[in-house]
């Protein structure tokens, strides 16, 4: 094999490895597909919140707050396959409520969001919820956690290692052919 062909092959191999290692990872995050009560709905007081996702989820957290920050969930949210259910504590008084949710998708990444609904026609008394806690505020902030920065640092390090290995291989093979 000629020297030029080996150089071209080494360059193509290094470029291919760099492209393969820096390709963005496939996103397998699930998505919220339905809510009960529905977002922006005006309804009678619900007994529970049901969130349906495109895929099965784990480690659900649901926070139901009123306009003053009072909490109204009863117990922990339960995930069964792609549905998360949270019981509502007592009868909700009339008003606007925010549902904050956070789950772990099948790819291991947490996703979260919020939506609102309005209760009318209630006979429930106001002030049945407690104050919102810091974890509740965090769960309802609509953001998502992640480690994207570390992923890119690892990918860049891998490209440097592959490029260095390709260069060393090229030097070794070109040095050996020059001595023949």
C-alpha atoms as a PDB file:
ATOM      1  CA  UNK A   1       0.000   0.000   0.000  1.00  0.00           C
ATOM      2  CA  UNK A   2       1.430   3.366  -0.948  1.00  0.00           C
ATOM      3  CA  UNK A   3       2.213   6.050   1.567  1.00  0.00           C
ATOM      4  CA  UNK A   4      -0.438   8.435   0.192  1.00  0.00           C
ATOM      5  CA  UNK A   5      -3.149   5.770   0.429  1.00  0.00           C
ATOM      6  CA  UNK A   6      -2.190   5.021   4.043  1.00  0.00           C
ATOM      7  CA  UNK A   7      -2.300   8.734   4.898  1.00  0.00           C
ATOM      8  CA  UNK A   8      -5.702   9.104   3.283  1.00  0.00           C
ATOM      9  CA  UNK A   9      -7.022   6.007   5.067  1.00  0.00           C
ATOM     10  CA  UNK A  10      -5.708   7.230   8.427  1.00  0.00           C
ATOM     11  CA  UNK A  11      -7.241  10.667   7.846  1.00  0.00           C
ATOM     12  CA  UNK A  12     -10.592   9.182   6.868  1.00  0.00           C
ATOM     13  CA  UNK A  13     -10.564   6.843   9.866  1.00  0.00           C
ATOM     14  CA  UNK A  14      -9.812   9.718  12.243  1.00  0.00           C
ATOM     15  CA  UNK A  15     -12.478  11.926  10.663  1.00  0.00           C
ATOM     16  CA  UNK A  16     -15.046   9.116  10.787  1.00  0.00           C
ATOM     17  CA  UNK A  17     -14.278   8.418  14.428  1.00  0.00           C
ATOM     18  CA  UNK A  18     -14.535  12.115  15.271  1.00  0.00           C
ATOM     19  CA  UNK A  19     -17.907  12.396  13.541  1.00  0.00           C
ATOM     20  CA  UNK A  20     -19.249   9.253  15.182  1.00  0.00           C
ATOM     21  CA  UNK A  21     -18.151  10.364  18.635  1.00  0.00           C
ATOM     22  CA  UNK A  22     -19.508  13.894  18.352  1.00  0.00           C
ATOM     23  CA  UNK A  23     -22.923  13.020  16.894  1.00  0.00           C
ATOM     24  CA  UNK A  24     -25.685  14.204  19.204  1.00  0.00           C
ATOM     25  CA  UNK A  25     -27.165  11.405  21.310  1.00  0.00           C
ATOM     26  CA  UNK A  26     -30.599  10.121  20.394  1.00  0.00           C
ATOM     27  CA  UNK A  27     -33.324  11.606  22.523  1.00  0.00           C
ATOM     28  CA  UNK A  28     -35.592   9.052  24.145  1.00  0.00           C
ATOM     29  CA  UNK A  29     -37.286  11.435  26.558  1.00  0.00           C
ATOM     30  CA  UNK A  30     -40.932  10.650  26.983  1.00  0.00           C
ATOM     31  CA  UNK A  31     -43.633  13.301  26.772  1.00  0.00           C
ATOM     32  CA  UNK A  32     -46.808  14.109  28.638  1.00  0.00           C
ATOM     33  CA  UNK A  33     -49.678  13.113  26.329  1.00  0.00           C
ATOM     34  CA  UNK A  34     -52.795  13.699  28.469  1.00  0.00           C
ATOM     35  CA  UNK A  35     -53.874  15.192  31.783  1.00  0.00           C
ATOM     36  CA  UNK A  36     -56.994  14.766  33.902  1.00  0.00           C
ATOM     37  CA  UNK A  37     -58.071  17.381  34.746  1.00  0.00           C
ATOM     38  CA  UNK A  38     -57.079  18.863  31.403  1.00  0.00           C
ATOM     39  CA  UNK A  39     -54.812  21.890  31.174  1.00  0.00           C
ATOM     40  CA  UNK A  40     -56.739  25.183  31.375  1.00  0.00           C
ATOM     41  CA  UNK A  41     -60.018  23.322  32.093  1.00  0.00           C
ATOM     42  CA  UNK A  42     -62.738  24.669  34.388  1.00  0.00           C
ATOM     43  CA  UNK A  43     -64.110  21.755  36.400  1.00  0.00           C
ATOM     44  CA  UNK A  44     -65.778  20.582  39.611  1.00  0.00           C
ATOM     45  CA  UNK A  45     -63.269  19.594  42.341  1.00  0.00           C
ATOM     46  CA  UNK A  46     -61.332  16.489  41.227  1.00  0.00           C
ATOM     47  CA  UNK A  47     -60.555  13.548  43.519  1.00  0.00           C
ATOM     48  CA  UNK A  48     -57.251  12.823  41.785  1.00  0.00           C
ATOM     49  CA  UNK A  49     -54.784  14.040  39.175  1.00  0.00           C
ATOM     50  CA  UNK A  50     -53.937  11.586  36.380  1.00  0.00           C
ATOM     51  CA  UNK A  51     -51.003  12.240  34.046  1.00  0.00           C
ATOM     52  CA  UNK A  52     -50.463  10.039  30.988  1.00  0.00           C
ATOM     53  CA  UNK A  53     -47.079   9.812  29.248  1.00  0.00           C
ATOM     54  CA  UNK A  54     -45.978   8.358  25.903  1.00  0.00           C
ATOM     55  CA  UNK A  55     -43.818   5.767  27.708  1.00  0.00           C
ATOM     56  CA  UNK A  56     -43.661   4.132  31.150  1.00  0.00           C
ATOM     57  CA  UNK A  57     -42.099   6.450  33.749  1.00  0.00           C
ATOM     58  CA  UNK A  58     -40.444   6.094  37.155  1.00  0.00           C
ATOM     59  CA  UNK A  59     -40.049   8.088  40.369  1.00  0.00           C
ATOM     60  CA  UNK A  60     -43.074  10.358  39.897  1.00  0.00           C
ATOM     61  CA  UNK A  61     -43.515  13.574  41.836  1.00  0.00           C
ATOM     62  CA  UNK A  62     -46.724  15.598  41.609  1.00  0.00           C
ATOM     63  CA  UNK A  63     -47.386  18.831  43.481  1.00  0.00           C
ATOM     64  CA  UNK A  64     -50.840  20.462  43.499  1.00  0.00           C
ATOM     65  CA  UNK A  65     -50.834  24.060  44.718  1.00  0.00           C
ATOM     66  CA  UNK A  66     -53.445  26.788  44.974  1.00  0.00           C
ATOM     67  CA  UNK A  67     -52.895  30.467  44.149  1.00  0.00           C
ATOM     68  CA  UNK A  68     -51.483  31.141  47.659  1.00  0.00           C
ATOM     69  CA  UNK A  69     -49.021  28.230  47.499  1.00  0.00           C
ATOM     70  CA  UNK A  70     -51.057  25.846  49.657  1.00  0.00           C
ATOM     71  CA  UNK A  71     -50.446  22.164  48.929  1.00  0.00           C
ATOM     72  CA  UNK A  72     -53.337  19.782  48.194  1.00  0.00           C
ATOM     73  CA  UNK A  73     -51.883  16.366  47.351  1.00  0.00           C
ATOM     74  CA  UNK A  74     -52.621  13.349  49.557  1.00  0.00           C
ATOM     75  CA  UNK A  75     -49.701  10.937  49.822  1.00  0.00           C
ATOM     76  CA  UNK A  76     -47.169  10.067  47.141  1.00  0.00           C
ATOM     77  CA  UNK A  77     -47.830   9.899  43.426  1.00  0.00           C
ATOM     78  CA  UNK A  78     -48.086   6.376  42.001  1.00  0.00           C
ATOM     79  CA  UNK A  79     -46.737   5.341  38.588  1.00  0.00           C
ATOM     80  CA  UNK A  80     -48.179   2.327  36.783  1.00  0.00           C
ATOM     81  CA  UNK A  81     -46.761   1.901  33.296  1.00  0.00           C
ATOM     82  CA  UNK A  82     -47.307   5.245  31.549  1.00  0.00           C
ATOM     83  CA  UNK A  83     -49.862   6.690  34.014  1.00  0.00           C
ATOM     84  CA  UNK A  84     -49.134   8.670  37.167  1.00  0.00           C
ATOM     85  CA  UNK A  85     -51.922   9.189  39.715  1.00  0.00           C
ATOM     86  CA  UNK A  86     -51.915  11.632  42.628  1.00  0.00           C
ATOM     87  CA  UNK A  87     -54.807  11.722  45.107  1.00  0.00           C
ATOM     88  CA  UNK A  88     -56.188  15.141  46.042  1.00  0.00           C
ATOM     89  CA  UNK A  89     -56.444  15.970  49.757  1.00  0.00           C
ATOM     90  CA  UNK A  90     -60.018  16.948  50.690  1.00  0.00           C
ATOM     91  CA  UNK A  91     -62.355  18.913  48.464  1.00  0.00           C
ATOM     92  CA  UNK A  92     -60.645  21.715  46.595  1.00  0.00           C
ATOM     93  CA  UNK A  93     -62.179  25.158  47.094  1.00  0.00           C
ATOM     94  CA  UNK A  94     -62.946  27.316  44.067  1.00  0.00           C
ATOM     95  CA  UNK A  95     -59.857  28.805  42.463  1.00  0.00           C
ATOM     96  CA  UNK A  96     -56.935  28.302  40.110  1.00  0.00           C
ATOM     97  CA  UNK A  97     -54.621  25.354  40.780  1.00  0.00           C
ATOM     98  CA  UNK A  98     -51.187  24.494  39.428  1.00  0.00           C
ATOM     99  CA  UNK A  99     -50.038  20.928  38.867  1.00  0.00           C
ATOM    100  CA  UNK A 100     -46.261  20.582  38.930  1.00  0.00           C
ATOM    101  CA  UNK A 101     -44.854  17.218  37.863  1.00  0.00           C
ATOM    102  CA  UNK A 102     -41.522  15.494  37.503  1.00  0.00           C
ATOM    103  CA  UNK A 103     -40.808  11.939  36.310  1.00  0.00           C
ATOM    104  CA  UNK A 104     -37.841   9.933  35.087  1.00  0.00           C
ATOM    105  CA  UNK A 105     -38.156   8.894  31.439  1.00  0.00           C
ATOM    106  CA  UNK A 106     -37.048   5.494  30.061  1.00  0.00           C
ATOM    107  CA  UNK A 107     -33.637   6.909  29.082  1.00  0.00           C
ATOM    108  CA  UNK A 108     -32.995   7.896  32.709  1.00  0.00           C
ATOM    109  CA  UNK A 109     -33.416  11.646  32.295  1.00  0.00           C
ATOM    110  CA  UNK A 110     -35.812  13.584  34.492  1.00  0.00           C
ATOM    111  CA  UNK A 111     -38.474  15.642  32.745  1.00  0.00           C
ATOM    112  CA  UNK A 112     -40.864  18.071  34.371  1.00  0.00           C
ATOM    113  CA  UNK A 113     -43.530  20.642  33.690  1.00  0.00           C
ATOM    114  CA  UNK A 114     -46.555  22.478  34.994  1.00  0.00           C
ATOM    115  CA  UNK A 115     -50.103  23.249  33.961  1.00  0.00           C
ATOM    116  CA  UNK A 116     -53.131  24.975  35.495  1.00  0.00           C
ATOM    117  CA  UNK A 117     -56.824  24.272  35.872  1.00  0.00           C
ATOM    118  CA  UNK A 118     -59.706  26.085  37.602  1.00  0.00           C
ATOM    119  CA  UNK A 119     -62.193  24.691  40.121  1.00  0.00           C
ATOM    120  CA  UNK A 120     -65.722  26.108  40.246  1.00  0.00           C
ATOM    121  CA  UNK A 121     -68.890  25.019  42.043  1.00  0.00           C
ATOM    122  CA  UNK A 122     -67.005  23.742  45.086  1.00  0.00           C
ATOM    123  CA  UNK A 123     -68.404  23.505  48.598  1.00  0.00           C
ATOM    124  CA  UNK A 124     -64.895  22.962  50.050  1.00  0.00           C
ATOM    125  CA  UNK A 125     -63.434  25.409  52.548  1.00  0.00           C
ATOM    126  CA  UNK A 126     -60.429  27.520  51.626  1.00  0.00           C
ATOM    127  CA  UNK A 127     -57.066  27.093  53.321  1.00  0.00           C
ATOM    128  CA  UNK A 128     -56.913  23.280  53.536  1.00  0.00           C
ATOM    129  CA  UNK A 129     -53.430  23.092  52.087  1.00  0.00           C
ATOM    130  CA  UNK A 130     -50.091  23.743  53.742  1.00  0.00           C
ATOM    131  CA  UNK A 131     -47.347  26.046  52.498  1.00  0.00           C
ATOM    132  CA  UNK A 132     -45.310  25.027  49.477  1.00  0.00           C
ATOM    133  CA  UNK A 133     -41.881  23.639  50.252  1.00  0.00           C
ATOM    134  CA  UNK A 134     -38.631  24.197  48.379  1.00  0.00           C
ATOM    135  CA  UNK A 135     -38.752  20.735  46.707  1.00  0.00           C
ATOM    136  CA  UNK A 136     -42.277  21.463  45.538  1.00  0.00           C
ATOM    137  CA  UNK A 137     -41.219  24.749  44.009  1.00  0.00           C
ATOM    138  CA  UNK A 138     -38.328  23.028  42.283  1.00  0.00           C
ATOM    139  CA  UNK A 139     -40.555  20.228  40.942  1.00  0.00           C
ATOM    140  CA  UNK A 140     -42.995  22.776  39.565  1.00  0.00           C
ATOM    141  CA  UNK A 141     -40.469  25.081  37.904  1.00  0.00           C
ATOM    142  CA  UNK A 142     -40.833  23.483  34.467  1.00  0.00           C
ATOM    143  CA  UNK A 143     -37.101  22.971  34.024  1.00  0.00           C
ATOM    144  CA  UNK A 144     -35.335  19.724  33.415  1.00  0.00           C
ATOM    145  CA  UNK A 145     -32.148  18.425  34.902  1.00  0.00           C
ATOM    146  CA  UNK A 146     -29.393  16.935  32.844  1.00  0.00           C
ATOM    147  CA  UNK A 147     -25.726  16.322  32.376  1.00  0.00           C
ATOM    148  CA  UNK A 148     -25.294  17.610  28.830  1.00  0.00           C
ATOM    149  CA  UNK A 149     -22.127  19.551  29.689  1.00  0.00           C
ATOM    150  CA  UNK A 150     -20.361  16.466  31.036  1.00  0.00           C
ATOM    151  CA  UNK A 151     -21.460  14.477  27.992  1.00  0.00           C
ATOM    152  CA  UNK A 152     -19.791  16.958  25.633  1.00  0.00           C
ATOM    153  CA  UNK A 153     -16.608  17.067  27.733  1.00  0.00           C
ATOM    154  CA  UNK A 154     -16.423  13.266  27.573  1.00  0.00           C
ATOM    155  CA  UNK A 155     -17.014  13.252  23.832  1.00  0.00           C
ATOM    156  CA  UNK A 156     -14.305  15.856  23.227  1.00  0.00           C
ATOM    157  CA  UNK A 157     -11.870  13.842  25.361  1.00  0.00           C
ATOM    158  CA  UNK A 158     -12.718  10.706  23.357  1.00  0.00           C
ATOM    159  CA  UNK A 159     -12.090  12.538  20.061  1.00  0.00           C
ATOM    160  CA  UNK A 160      -8.696  13.725  21.334  1.00  0.00           C
ATOM    161  CA  UNK A 161      -7.762  10.172  22.376  1.00  0.00           C
ATOM    162  CA  UNK A 162      -8.869   8.687  19.030  1.00  0.00           C
ATOM    163  CA  UNK A 163      -7.083  11.391  17.056  1.00  0.00           C
ATOM    164  CA  UNK A 164      -3.923  10.882  19.115  1.00  0.00           C
ATOM    165  CA  UNK A 165      -4.116   7.134  18.585  1.00  0.00           C
ATOM    166  CA  UNK A 166      -4.637   7.624  14.851  1.00  0.00           C
ATOM    167  CA  UNK A 167      -1.661   9.952  14.670  1.00  0.00           C
ATOM    168  CA  UNK A 168       0.547   7.513  16.612  1.00  0.00           C
ATOM    169  CA  UNK A 169      -0.539   4.643  14.349  1.00  0.00           C
ATOM    170  CA  UNK A 170       0.196   6.741  11.276  1.00  0.00           C
ATOM    171  CA  UNK A 171       3.647   7.697  12.577  1.00  0.00           C
ATOM    172  CA  UNK A 172       4.448   4.101  13.425  1.00  0.00           C
ATOM    173  CA  UNK A 173       3.320   2.713  10.063  1.00  0.00           C
ATOM    174  CA  UNK A 174       4.917   5.506   8.020  1.00  0.00           C
ATOM    175  CA  UNK A 175       8.184   5.150   9.969  1.00  0.00           C
ATOM    176  CA  UNK A 176       8.221   1.385   9.384  1.00  0.00           C
ATOM    177  CA  UNK A 177       7.666   1.781   5.611  1.00  0.00           C
ATOM    178  CA  UNK A 178      10.406   4.442   5.397  1.00  0.00           C
ATOM    179  CA  UNK A 179      12.923   2.006   6.946  1.00  0.00           C
ATOM    180  CA  UNK A 180      12.124  -0.775   4.445  1.00  0.00           C
END
